[in-house]
């Protein structure tokens, strides 16, 4: 784990900094249970239930085929629209060389494929996902690129990082079905540096009703459920200049807001 990452880790039980102990555990001065570290992936301590638990189990079963499903099956169903939307989202971030970047619900790391390698190699990159399987796939991808990343298994509603830690913070995909999208957005803002513009996005109801409720692997999650997604309402009143954008003919959205400066 990079020293830069150790310096921004937060004990979820108090505000003490964390460190890696001699036996390879992430530990703070007050916690009773250590954070296990395996293959440089840290598992944050939390109670996972509700939608978070449901989707954690799903992706831990099918992580191995996620990239194939998106690249092959996704291309068959939607052509190049998904790749184009990913690139447009990435362009919104305006990531600067040498900056620190946090991707929440990072999945297999697909959003980083849209960043030029010359920029990507200069970044301090941290990712977090609810699924250990998806994190392992992300690790493999970054190893193949020979680029460093620190990965954590945990939920977006309880990020194990200090306040004001990252230059860029985003969460693309999954937030529609977090246990508490509002709390997750507050966490994204909390860990961003003052003045940072935070981004989050997902599919709109057009994709949920048109695809998710019909696809064999997904339809049992969405059967009989009504979804009225209002992602702009998740922005807390303490944030500045919220903005709502749609991509891919209204099938995807991106919300951004600015963290107030000191």
C-alpha atoms as a PDB file:
ATOM      1  CA  UNK A   1       0.000   0.000   0.000  1.00  0.00           C
ATOM      2  CA  UNK A   2       1.265   3.437  -0.941  1.00  0.00           C
ATOM      3  CA  UNK A   3       2.420   5.704   1.868  1.00  0.00           C
ATOM      4  CA  UNK A   4       0.139   8.443   0.477  1.00  0.00           C
ATOM      5  CA  UNK A   5      -2.852   6.159   1.050  1.00  0.00           C
ATOM      6  CA  UNK A   6      -1.828   5.273   4.589  1.00  0.00           C
ATOM      7  CA  UNK A   7      -1.715   8.957   5.430  1.00  0.00           C
ATOM      8  CA  UNK A   8      -5.374   9.493   4.458  1.00  0.00           C
ATOM      9  CA  UNK A   9      -6.921   6.376   6.017  1.00  0.00           C
ATOM     10  CA  UNK A  10      -9.454   6.900   8.791  1.00  0.00           C
ATOM     11  CA  UNK A  11     -10.347   4.527  11.589  1.00  0.00           C
ATOM     12  CA  UNK A  12     -14.085   3.922  11.267  1.00  0.00           C
ATOM     13  CA  UNK A  13     -14.454   3.756  15.060  1.00  0.00           C
ATOM     14  CA  UNK A  14     -12.633   6.978  15.878  1.00  0.00           C
ATOM     15  CA  UNK A  15     -10.503   9.605  14.145  1.00  0.00           C
ATOM     16  CA  UNK A  16      -7.129   7.986  14.713  1.00  0.00           C
ATOM     17  CA  UNK A  17      -4.863   7.364  11.704  1.00  0.00           C
ATOM     18  CA  UNK A  18      -4.283   3.788  10.567  1.00  0.00           C
ATOM     19  CA  UNK A  19      -1.078   1.924   9.852  1.00  0.00           C
ATOM     20  CA  UNK A  20      -0.004  -1.507   8.654  1.00  0.00           C
ATOM     21  CA  UNK A  21       1.176  -3.662  11.525  1.00  0.00           C
ATOM     22  CA  UNK A  22       4.012  -6.188  11.355  1.00  0.00           C
ATOM     23  CA  UNK A  23       1.547  -9.030  10.729  1.00  0.00           C
ATOM     24  CA  UNK A  24       0.052  -7.290   7.684  1.00  0.00           C
ATOM     25  CA  UNK A  25      -3.065  -5.846   9.281  1.00  0.00           C
ATOM     26  CA  UNK A  26      -4.439  -2.336   9.012  1.00  0.00           C
ATOM     27  CA  UNK A  27      -4.744  -1.168  12.584  1.00  0.00           C
ATOM     28  CA  UNK A  28      -5.594   1.925  14.598  1.00  0.00           C
ATOM     29  CA  UNK A  29      -4.884   2.652  18.234  1.00  0.00           C
ATOM     30  CA  UNK A  30      -8.434   2.088  19.445  1.00  0.00           C
ATOM     31  CA  UNK A  31     -10.029  -0.541  17.210  1.00  0.00           C
ATOM     32  CA  UNK A  32     -10.612  -3.983  18.676  1.00  0.00           C
ATOM     33  CA  UNK A  33     -10.749  -5.831  15.343  1.00  0.00           C
ATOM     34  CA  UNK A  34      -7.981  -5.231  12.775  1.00  0.00           C
ATOM     35  CA  UNK A  35      -8.685  -4.453   9.136  1.00  0.00           C
ATOM     36  CA  UNK A  36      -7.397  -7.490   7.213  1.00  0.00           C
ATOM     37  CA  UNK A  37      -5.168  -6.756   4.242  1.00  0.00           C
ATOM     38  CA  UNK A  38      -4.913  -9.435   1.576  1.00  0.00           C
ATOM     39  CA  UNK A  39      -3.076  -8.912  -1.719  1.00  0.00           C
ATOM     40  CA  UNK A  40      -2.893  -5.201  -0.908  1.00  0.00           C
ATOM     41  CA  UNK A  41      -6.696  -4.991  -0.778  1.00  0.00           C
ATOM     42  CA  UNK A  42      -8.079  -3.679   2.512  1.00  0.00           C
ATOM     43  CA  UNK A  43     -11.482  -4.752   3.810  1.00  0.00           C
ATOM     44  CA  UNK A  44     -13.174  -2.027   5.798  1.00  0.00           C
ATOM     45  CA  UNK A  45     -15.126  -3.057   8.874  1.00  0.00           C
ATOM     46  CA  UNK A  46     -18.838  -2.475   8.542  1.00  0.00           C
ATOM     47  CA  UNK A  47     -22.192  -4.159   8.688  1.00  0.00           C
ATOM     48  CA  UNK A  48     -23.475  -4.788   5.153  1.00  0.00           C
ATOM     49  CA  UNK A  49     -27.179  -5.382   4.652  1.00  0.00           C
ATOM     50  CA  UNK A  50     -30.106  -4.474   2.406  1.00  0.00           C
ATOM     51  CA  UNK A  51     -29.362  -3.650  -1.220  1.00  0.00           C
ATOM     52  CA  UNK A  52     -25.635  -3.441  -0.464  1.00  0.00           C
ATOM     53  CA  UNK A  53     -25.567  -7.043   0.700  1.00  0.00           C
ATOM     54  CA  UNK A  54     -27.735  -8.209  -2.190  1.00  0.00           C
ATOM     55  CA  UNK A  55     -25.504  -6.659  -4.832  1.00  0.00           C
ATOM     56  CA  UNK A  56     -22.311  -7.655  -3.011  1.00  0.00           C
ATOM     57  CA  UNK A  57     -23.412 -11.284  -3.268  1.00  0.00           C
ATOM     58  CA  UNK A  58     -24.415 -10.870  -6.911  1.00  0.00           C
ATOM     59  CA  UNK A  59     -21.109  -9.362  -8.031  1.00  0.00           C
ATOM     60  CA  UNK A  60     -19.099 -11.807  -5.934  1.00  0.00           C
ATOM     61  CA  UNK A  61     -20.736 -14.569  -7.974  1.00  0.00           C
ATOM     62  CA  UNK A  62     -20.409 -13.011 -11.440  1.00  0.00           C
ATOM     63  CA  UNK A  63     -17.359 -10.726 -11.222  1.00  0.00           C
ATOM     64  CA  UNK A  64     -15.391 -13.054 -13.503  1.00  0.00           C
ATOM     65  CA  UNK A  65     -17.743 -12.382 -16.431  1.00  0.00           C
ATOM     66  CA  UNK A  66     -18.489  -8.691 -15.848  1.00  0.00           C
ATOM     67  CA  UNK A  67     -16.076  -7.242 -18.399  1.00  0.00           C
ATOM     68  CA  UNK A  68     -17.122  -9.802 -21.023  1.00  0.00           C
ATOM     69  CA  UNK A  69     -20.790  -8.995 -20.411  1.00  0.00           C
ATOM     70  CA  UNK A  70     -20.200  -5.266 -20.759  1.00  0.00           C
ATOM     71  CA  UNK A  71     -17.820  -5.447 -23.712  1.00  0.00           C
ATOM     72  CA  UNK A  72     -19.322  -8.263 -25.764  1.00  0.00           C
ATOM     73  CA  UNK A  73     -22.984  -8.455 -24.777  1.00  0.00           C
ATOM     74  CA  UNK A  74     -23.178  -4.710 -24.095  1.00  0.00           C
ATOM     75  CA  UNK A  75     -21.745  -3.967 -27.539  1.00  0.00           C
ATOM     76  CA  UNK A  76     -24.207  -6.370 -29.119  1.00  0.00           C
ATOM     77  CA  UNK A  77     -27.178  -4.708 -27.402  1.00  0.00           C
ATOM     78  CA  UNK A  78     -26.060  -1.074 -27.387  1.00  0.00           C
ATOM     79  CA  UNK A  79     -23.242  -0.733 -29.905  1.00  0.00           C
ATOM     80  CA  UNK A  80     -20.594   1.822 -28.886  1.00  0.00           C
ATOM     81  CA  UNK A  81     -22.927   3.865 -26.665  1.00  0.00           C
ATOM     82  CA  UNK A  82     -21.530   2.550 -23.353  1.00  0.00           C
ATOM     83  CA  UNK A  83     -17.919   3.263 -24.319  1.00  0.00           C
ATOM     84  CA  UNK A  84     -18.823   6.714 -25.602  1.00  0.00           C
ATOM     85  CA  UNK A  85     -20.727   7.509 -22.386  1.00  0.00           C
ATOM     86  CA  UNK A  86     -17.764   6.351 -20.269  1.00  0.00           C
ATOM     87  CA  UNK A  87     -15.444   8.638 -22.214  1.00  0.00           C
ATOM     88  CA  UNK A  88     -17.797  11.610 -21.861  1.00  0.00           C
ATOM     89  CA  UNK A  89     -18.010  11.037 -18.095  1.00  0.00           C
ATOM     90  CA  UNK A  90     -14.246  10.811 -17.861  1.00  0.00           C
ATOM     91  CA  UNK A  91     -13.846  14.069 -19.772  1.00  0.00           C
ATOM     92  CA  UNK A  92     -16.073  15.815 -17.216  1.00  0.00           C
ATOM     93  CA  UNK A  93     -13.638  14.918 -14.418  1.00  0.00           C
ATOM     94  CA  UNK A  94     -10.786  16.974 -15.898  1.00  0.00           C
ATOM     95  CA  UNK A  95      -8.205  14.908 -14.027  1.00  0.00           C
ATOM     96  CA  UNK A  96      -4.851  16.645 -13.707  1.00  0.00           C
ATOM     97  CA  UNK A  97      -1.529  14.789 -13.884  1.00  0.00           C
ATOM     98  CA  UNK A  98      -0.086  14.025 -10.450  1.00  0.00           C
ATOM     99  CA  UNK A  99      -3.405  14.403  -8.622  1.00  0.00           C
ATOM    100  CA  UNK A 100      -5.092  12.036  -6.154  1.00  0.00           C
ATOM    101  CA  UNK A 101      -8.175  10.217  -7.441  1.00  0.00           C
ATOM    102  CA  UNK A 102     -10.843   8.185  -5.622  1.00  0.00           C
ATOM    103  CA  UNK A 103     -13.255   5.953  -7.529  1.00  0.00           C
ATOM    104  CA  UNK A 104     -16.143   4.670  -5.392  1.00  0.00           C
ATOM    105  CA  UNK A 105     -17.969   1.580  -6.720  1.00  0.00           C
ATOM    106  CA  UNK A 106     -14.915   1.206  -8.942  1.00  0.00           C
ATOM    107  CA  UNK A 107     -15.943  -2.233 -10.196  1.00  0.00           C
ATOM    108  CA  UNK A 108     -13.296  -3.763 -12.430  1.00  0.00           C
ATOM    109  CA  UNK A 109     -11.731  -0.362 -13.090  1.00  0.00           C
ATOM    110  CA  UNK A 110     -13.340   0.270 -16.466  1.00  0.00           C
ATOM    111  CA  UNK A 111     -13.573   4.023 -15.952  1.00  0.00           C
ATOM    112  CA  UNK A 112      -9.784   4.247 -15.791  1.00  0.00           C
ATOM    113  CA  UNK A 113      -9.521   2.803 -19.304  1.00  0.00           C
ATOM    114  CA  UNK A 114     -10.718   6.195 -20.585  1.00  0.00           C
ATOM    115  CA  UNK A 115      -7.795   8.104 -19.025  1.00  0.00           C
ATOM    116  CA  UNK A 116      -4.675   8.465 -21.208  1.00  0.00           C
ATOM    117  CA  UNK A 117      -1.892   6.163 -19.915  1.00  0.00           C
ATOM    118  CA  UNK A 118       0.543   9.086 -19.739  1.00  0.00           C
ATOM    119  CA  UNK A 119      -1.779  10.777 -17.218  1.00  0.00           C
ATOM    120  CA  UNK A 120      -2.900   7.584 -15.471  1.00  0.00           C
ATOM    121  CA  UNK A 121       0.671   6.612 -14.595  1.00  0.00           C
ATOM    122  CA  UNK A 122       1.186   9.886 -12.682  1.00  0.00           C
ATOM    123  CA  UNK A 123      -1.883   9.613 -10.426  1.00  0.00           C
ATOM    124  CA  UNK A 124      -2.329   8.488  -6.833  1.00  0.00           C
ATOM    125  CA  UNK A 125      -5.285   6.171  -7.424  1.00  0.00           C
ATOM    126  CA  UNK A 126      -7.575   4.653  -4.797  1.00  0.00           C
ATOM    127  CA  UNK A 127     -10.630   2.505  -5.503  1.00  0.00           C
ATOM    128  CA  UNK A 128     -13.412   1.069  -3.341  1.00  0.00           C
ATOM    129  CA  UNK A 129     -16.124  -1.428  -4.189  1.00  0.00           C
ATOM    130  CA  UNK A 130     -18.700  -3.474  -2.263  1.00  0.00           C
ATOM    131  CA  UNK A 131     -17.533  -6.672  -4.018  1.00  0.00           C
ATOM    132  CA  UNK A 132     -14.224  -8.348  -3.294  1.00  0.00           C
ATOM    133  CA  UNK A 133     -14.522 -10.179  -6.607  1.00  0.00           C
ATOM    134  CA  UNK A 134     -14.764  -6.946  -8.571  1.00  0.00           C
ATOM    135  CA  UNK A 135     -11.811  -5.519  -6.643  1.00  0.00           C
ATOM    136  CA  UNK A 136      -9.704  -8.567  -7.572  1.00  0.00           C
ATOM    137  CA  UNK A 137     -10.538  -8.070 -11.248  1.00  0.00           C
ATOM    138  CA  UNK A 138      -9.595  -4.411 -10.947  1.00  0.00           C
ATOM    139  CA  UNK A 139      -6.291  -5.393  -9.363  1.00  0.00           C
ATOM    140  CA  UNK A 140      -5.527  -7.725 -12.294  1.00  0.00           C
ATOM    141  CA  UNK A 141      -6.261  -4.959 -14.778  1.00  0.00           C
ATOM    142  CA  UNK A 142      -3.927  -2.493 -13.063  1.00  0.00           C
ATOM    143  CA  UNK A 143      -1.206  -5.140 -12.735  1.00  0.00           C
ATOM    144  CA  UNK A 144      -1.467  -5.702 -16.482  1.00  0.00           C
ATOM    145  CA  UNK A 145      -1.067  -1.967 -17.047  1.00  0.00           C
ATOM    146  CA  UNK A 146       1.825  -1.901 -14.543  1.00  0.00           C
ATOM    147  CA  UNK A 147       0.165   0.997 -12.705  1.00  0.00           C
ATOM    148  CA  UNK A 148      -0.279   1.227  -8.932  1.00  0.00           C
ATOM    149  CA  UNK A 149      -3.657   1.382  -7.216  1.00  0.00           C
ATOM    150  CA  UNK A 150      -4.805   0.840  -3.631  1.00  0.00           C
ATOM    151  CA  UNK A 151      -8.113  -1.002  -3.404  1.00  0.00           C
ATOM    152  CA  UNK A 152     -10.636  -1.331  -0.593  1.00  0.00           C
ATOM    153  CA  UNK A 153     -13.683  -3.525  -0.100  1.00  0.00           C
ATOM    154  CA  UNK A 154     -16.468  -1.562   1.567  1.00  0.00           C
ATOM    155  CA  UNK A 155     -19.574   0.547   1.098  1.00  0.00           C
ATOM    156  CA  UNK A 156     -19.828   4.065  -0.235  1.00  0.00           C
ATOM    157  CA  UNK A 157     -21.858   5.131   2.781  1.00  0.00           C
ATOM    158  CA  UNK A 158     -18.883   4.653   5.132  1.00  0.00           C
ATOM    159  CA  UNK A 159     -15.630   5.577   3.415  1.00  0.00           C
ATOM    160  CA  UNK A 160     -12.449   4.793   5.412  1.00  0.00           C
ATOM    161  CA  UNK A 161     -10.683   8.015   4.409  1.00  0.00           C
ATOM    162  CA  UNK A 162      -9.970  11.325   6.095  1.00  0.00           C
ATOM    163  CA  UNK A 163     -11.810  14.530   5.293  1.00  0.00           C
ATOM    164  CA  UNK A 164     -10.418  16.651   2.446  1.00  0.00           C
ATOM    165  CA  UNK A 165      -8.206  13.861   1.104  1.00  0.00           C
ATOM    166  CA  UNK A 166      -8.687  13.700  -2.700  1.00  0.00           C
ATOM    167  CA  UNK A 167      -8.349  16.049  -5.676  1.00  0.00           C
ATOM    168  CA  UNK A 168     -10.893  14.072  -7.732  1.00  0.00           C
ATOM    169  CA  UNK A 169     -13.780  11.989  -6.360  1.00  0.00           C
ATOM    170  CA  UNK A 170     -16.339  10.141  -8.466  1.00  0.00           C
ATOM    171  CA  UNK A 171     -18.779   7.240  -8.348  1.00  0.00           C
ATOM    172  CA  UNK A 172     -20.056   6.035 -11.708  1.00  0.00           C
ATOM    173  CA  UNK A 173     -22.441   3.080 -11.585  1.00  0.00           C
ATOM    174  CA  UNK A 174     -24.289   1.453  -8.701  1.00  0.00           C
ATOM    175  CA  UNK A 175     -25.365   4.500  -6.713  1.00  0.00           C
ATOM    176  CA  UNK A 176     -29.017   4.064  -7.778  1.00  0.00           C
ATOM    177  CA  UNK A 177     -29.154   0.950  -5.609  1.00  0.00           C
ATOM    178  CA  UNK A 178     -26.977   1.879  -2.631  1.00  0.00           C
ATOM    179  CA  UNK A 179     -28.758   1.534   0.705  1.00  0.00           C
ATOM    180  CA  UNK A 180     -28.540   5.307   1.087  1.00  0.00           C
ATOM    181  CA  UNK A 181     -27.487   7.313  -1.973  1.00  0.00           C
ATOM    182  CA  UNK A 182     -27.841  10.509   0.063  1.00  0.00           C
ATOM    183  CA  UNK A 183     -25.344   9.338   2.664  1.00  0.00           C
ATOM    184  CA  UNK A 184     -22.992   8.114  -0.062  1.00  0.00           C
ATOM    185  CA  UNK A 185     -22.986  11.537  -1.730  1.00  0.00           C
ATOM    186  CA  UNK A 186     -22.248  13.190   1.608  1.00  0.00           C
ATOM    187  CA  UNK A 187     -19.288  10.833   2.000  1.00  0.00           C
ATOM    188  CA  UNK A 188     -18.010  11.612  -1.498  1.00  0.00           C
ATOM    189  CA  UNK A 189     -18.091  15.302  -0.636  1.00  0.00           C
ATOM    190  CA  UNK A 190     -16.527  14.784   2.801  1.00  0.00           C
ATOM    191  CA  UNK A 191     -13.393  13.114   1.432  1.00  0.00           C
ATOM    192  CA  UNK A 192     -12.948  15.606  -1.436  1.00  0.00           C
ATOM    193  CA  UNK A 193     -10.686  18.588  -0.972  1.00  0.00           C
ATOM    194  CA  UNK A 194     -12.351  22.004  -0.562  1.00  0.00           C
ATOM    195  CA  UNK A 195     -13.259  23.500  -3.927  1.00  0.00           C
ATOM    196  CA  UNK A 196     -13.322  20.072  -5.597  1.00  0.00           C
ATOM    197  CA  UNK A 197     -16.177  19.222  -7.939  1.00  0.00           C
ATOM    198  CA  UNK A 198     -17.585  15.781  -7.028  1.00  0.00           C
ATOM    199  CA  UNK A 199     -19.263  13.568  -9.634  1.00  0.00           C
ATOM    200  CA  UNK A 200     -21.659  10.622  -9.451  1.00  0.00           C
ATOM    201  CA  UNK A 201     -23.788   8.927 -12.075  1.00  0.00           C
ATOM    202  CA  UNK A 202     -25.666   5.841 -13.150  1.00  0.00           C
ATOM    203  CA  UNK A 203     -28.330   4.655 -15.566  1.00  0.00           C
ATOM    204  CA  UNK A 204     -31.746   6.300 -15.713  1.00  0.00           C
ATOM    205  CA  UNK A 205     -35.121   4.561 -15.517  1.00  0.00           C
ATOM    206  CA  UNK A 206     -34.974   4.037 -19.309  1.00  0.00           C
ATOM    207  CA  UNK A 207     -32.243   1.403 -18.883  1.00  0.00           C
ATOM    208  CA  UNK A 208     -33.690  -0.081 -15.696  1.00  0.00           C
ATOM    209  CA  UNK A 209     -37.106  -0.658 -17.218  1.00  0.00           C
ATOM    210  CA  UNK A 210     -35.883  -1.358 -20.720  1.00  0.00           C
ATOM    211  CA  UNK A 211     -33.045  -3.766 -19.901  1.00  0.00           C
ATOM    212  CA  UNK A 212     -32.427  -4.580 -16.236  1.00  0.00           C
ATOM    213  CA  UNK A 213     -35.976  -5.798 -15.608  1.00  0.00           C
ATOM    214  CA  UNK A 214     -35.689  -8.108 -18.630  1.00  0.00           C
ATOM    215  CA  UNK A 215     -32.132  -9.501 -18.556  1.00  0.00           C
ATOM    216  CA  UNK A 216     -31.952 -13.051 -17.185  1.00  0.00           C
ATOM    217  CA  UNK A 217     -29.235 -12.416 -14.571  1.00  0.00           C
ATOM    218  CA  UNK A 218     -30.738  -9.173 -13.298  1.00  0.00           C
ATOM    219  CA  UNK A 219     -34.485  -9.318 -13.584  1.00  0.00           C
ATOM    220  CA  UNK A 220     -35.053 -11.065 -10.222  1.00  0.00           C
ATOM    221  CA  UNK A 221     -33.481  -8.036  -8.473  1.00  0.00           C
ATOM    222  CA  UNK A 222     -35.925  -5.664 -10.125  1.00  0.00           C
ATOM    223  CA  UNK A 223     -39.073  -7.752 -10.522  1.00  0.00           C
ATOM    224  CA  UNK A 224     -42.167  -5.886  -9.358  1.00  0.00           C
ATOM    225  CA  UNK A 225     -40.185  -2.844  -8.212  1.00  0.00           C
ATOM    226  CA  UNK A 226     -40.902   0.726  -9.231  1.00  0.00           C
ATOM    227  CA  UNK A 227     -37.991   3.107  -9.543  1.00  0.00           C
ATOM    228  CA  UNK A 228     -38.301   6.865  -9.370  1.00  0.00           C
ATOM    229  CA  UNK A 229     -34.734   8.088  -9.393  1.00  0.00           C
ATOM    230  CA  UNK A 230     -34.116  11.715  -8.472  1.00  0.00           C
ATOM    231  CA  UNK A 231     -30.315  11.916  -8.139  1.00  0.00           C
ATOM    232  CA  UNK A 232     -30.181  15.690  -7.929  1.00  0.00           C
ATOM    233  CA  UNK A 233     -32.094  15.473  -4.636  1.00  0.00           C
ATOM    234  CA  UNK A 234     -29.152  13.555  -3.115  1.00  0.00           C
ATOM    235  CA  UNK A 235     -26.961  16.660  -3.166  1.00  0.00           C
ATOM    236  CA  UNK A 236     -26.809  18.116   0.374  1.00  0.00           C
ATOM    237  CA  UNK A 237     -27.580  21.810   0.895  1.00  0.00           C
ATOM    238  CA  UNK A 238     -23.984  22.395   2.004  1.00  0.00           C
ATOM    239  CA  UNK A 239     -22.707  21.728  -1.549  1.00  0.00           C
ATOM    240  CA  UNK A 240     -22.515  24.437  -4.203  1.00  0.00           C
ATOM    241  CA  UNK A 241     -23.606  24.677  -7.835  1.00  0.00           C
ATOM    242  CA  UNK A 242     -25.239  21.266  -8.406  1.00  0.00           C
ATOM    243  CA  UNK A 243     -25.639  20.277 -12.047  1.00  0.00           C
ATOM    244  CA  UNK A 244     -27.474  17.446 -13.807  1.00  0.00           C
ATOM    245  CA  UNK A 245     -26.372  16.056 -17.176  1.00  0.00           C
ATOM    246  CA  UNK A 246     -27.806  13.273 -19.315  1.00  0.00           C
ATOM    247  CA  UNK A 247     -25.853  11.087 -21.733  1.00  0.00           C
ATOM    248  CA  UNK A 248     -26.763   8.495 -24.345  1.00  0.00           C
ATOM    249  CA  UNK A 249     -30.186   9.941 -25.238  1.00  0.00           C
ATOM    250  CA  UNK A 250     -31.223  10.171 -21.599  1.00  0.00           C
ATOM    251  CA  UNK A 251     -30.198   6.631 -20.621  1.00  0.00           C
ATOM    252  CA  UNK A 252     -27.396   7.748 -18.298  1.00  0.00           C
ATOM    253  CA  UNK A 253     -27.028  10.699 -15.957  1.00  0.00           C
ATOM    254  CA  UNK A 254     -24.173  12.487 -14.230  1.00  0.00           C
ATOM    255  CA  UNK A 255     -24.642  14.806 -11.255  1.00  0.00           C
ATOM    256  CA  UNK A 256     -21.876  17.090 -10.083  1.00  0.00           C
ATOM    257  CA  UNK A 257     -21.562  19.531  -7.195  1.00  0.00           C
ATOM    258  CA  UNK A 258     -18.813  21.607  -5.655  1.00  0.00           C
ATOM    259  CA  UNK A 259     -17.486  21.276  -2.140  1.00  0.00           C
ATOM    260  CA  UNK A 260     -17.301  24.674  -0.490  1.00  0.00           C
ATOM    261  CA  UNK A 261     -13.871  26.151   0.074  1.00  0.00           C
ATOM    262  CA  UNK A 262     -12.763  26.949   3.593  1.00  0.00           C
END
